Protein backbone atom coordinates (compact mmCIF):
# COMPACT_ATOMS: atom_id res chain seq x y z
CA MET A 1 -45.60 -36.57 4.94
CA ILE A 2 -48.78 -38.18 6.26
CA HIS A 3 -48.51 -40.12 9.50
CA ILE A 4 -50.64 -43.26 9.53
CA PRO A 5 -50.94 -44.82 12.99
CA ARG A 6 -49.68 -48.37 13.27
CA LEU A 7 -52.01 -51.11 14.37
CA PRO A 8 -51.07 -53.00 17.55
CA ILE A 9 -49.15 -56.25 17.22
CA PRO A 10 -51.32 -59.21 18.28
CA THR A 11 -50.57 -60.20 21.88
CA GLU A 12 -49.90 -63.85 21.00
CA THR A 13 -47.47 -62.84 18.24
CA ARG A 14 -45.60 -60.47 20.55
CA ALA A 15 -45.31 -63.25 23.15
CA ALA A 16 -44.08 -65.78 20.56
CA VAL A 17 -41.36 -63.45 19.25
CA LEU A 18 -40.11 -62.66 22.75
CA ALA A 19 -40.15 -66.36 23.64
CA ARG A 20 -38.16 -67.17 20.50
CA ALA A 21 -35.56 -64.58 21.51
CA ALA A 22 -35.31 -66.15 24.99
CA GLY A 23 -34.31 -62.82 26.54
CA GLY A 24 -31.54 -61.99 24.08
CA CYS A 25 -31.35 -59.68 21.07
CA GLU A 26 -31.82 -61.68 17.88
CA ARG A 27 -28.95 -59.74 16.23
CA CYS A 28 -26.22 -59.41 18.85
CA GLY A 29 -27.44 -61.70 21.65
CA MET A 30 -27.17 -59.03 24.35
CA ARG A 31 -29.65 -59.41 27.17
CA TYR A 32 -31.08 -55.89 27.27
CA LYS A 33 -34.70 -54.77 27.14
CA LEU A 34 -36.01 -55.95 23.78
CA GLU A 35 -38.04 -54.04 21.18
CA LEU A 36 -39.96 -55.57 18.29
CA HIS A 37 -38.79 -54.67 14.79
CA HIS A 38 -40.96 -55.17 11.72
CA ARG A 39 -39.20 -56.90 8.84
CA HIS A 40 -41.90 -55.35 6.63
CA TYR A 41 -45.15 -53.47 7.13
CA ASP A 42 -47.44 -55.53 4.91
CA SER A 43 -49.20 -57.32 7.75
CA GLN A 44 -49.74 -54.63 10.37
CA GLY A 45 -52.24 -55.67 12.99
CA ARG A 46 -52.07 -59.31 11.88
CA GLU A 47 -48.34 -60.03 12.16
CA VAL A 48 -47.01 -63.53 12.63
CA PRO A 49 -43.72 -64.20 14.46
CA ASP A 50 -41.69 -64.39 11.22
CA ASP A 51 -42.70 -60.77 10.45
CA LEU A 52 -40.83 -59.48 13.52
CA LEU A 53 -37.45 -59.53 15.24
CA ALA A 54 -36.77 -58.96 18.95
CA LEU A 55 -33.86 -56.50 19.09
CA CYS A 56 -32.03 -54.46 21.72
CA ARG A 57 -32.28 -50.68 21.31
CA VAL A 58 -28.85 -50.40 19.64
CA CYS A 59 -29.60 -53.08 17.03
CA HIS A 60 -33.13 -51.78 16.48
CA GLU A 61 -31.88 -48.29 15.74
CA ALA A 62 -29.15 -49.73 13.47
CA GLU A 63 -31.88 -51.45 11.41
CA HIS A 64 -33.30 -47.98 10.70
CA ARG A 65 -30.02 -46.24 9.71
CA ASP A 66 -28.66 -46.14 6.20
CA ARG A 67 -25.04 -46.27 5.04
CA LEU A 68 -24.65 -42.53 5.73
CA GLY A 69 -26.15 -42.78 9.21
CA HIS A 70 -29.48 -41.21 8.31
CA PHE A 71 -32.51 -42.47 10.23
CA TRP A 72 -35.41 -43.99 8.24
CA ALA A 73 -38.72 -44.68 9.96
CA ASP A 74 -39.38 -47.33 7.30
CA PRO A 75 -36.38 -49.63 6.71
CA VAL A 76 -38.17 -51.18 3.71
CA ALA A 77 -38.26 -47.77 1.98
CA MET A 78 -34.61 -47.30 2.94
CA ALA A 79 -33.62 -50.60 1.31
CA LYS A 80 -35.52 -49.68 -1.86
CA ALA A 81 -33.88 -46.25 -1.97
CA TRP A 82 -30.44 -47.82 -1.68
CA GLY A 83 -31.24 -50.57 -4.20
CA MET A 84 -30.87 -53.31 -1.61
């Protein structure tokens, strides 16, 4: 597998997503440290707020696990593999 480095998320996009979340996970609402989750990887380096979710660590990791609990670095590939 070839590792392609990800481009940084634009600063203004990162700030807008975190402001939208208002300090709470956009899945469960918990007020833990938030991580940005890509809904897709089509716009790397030029993301807009709708491309991302602000999630707590638990919800972020859950977005990357399949029905059997296997971790996928790319949740889009996971969804395609599972026919979702």
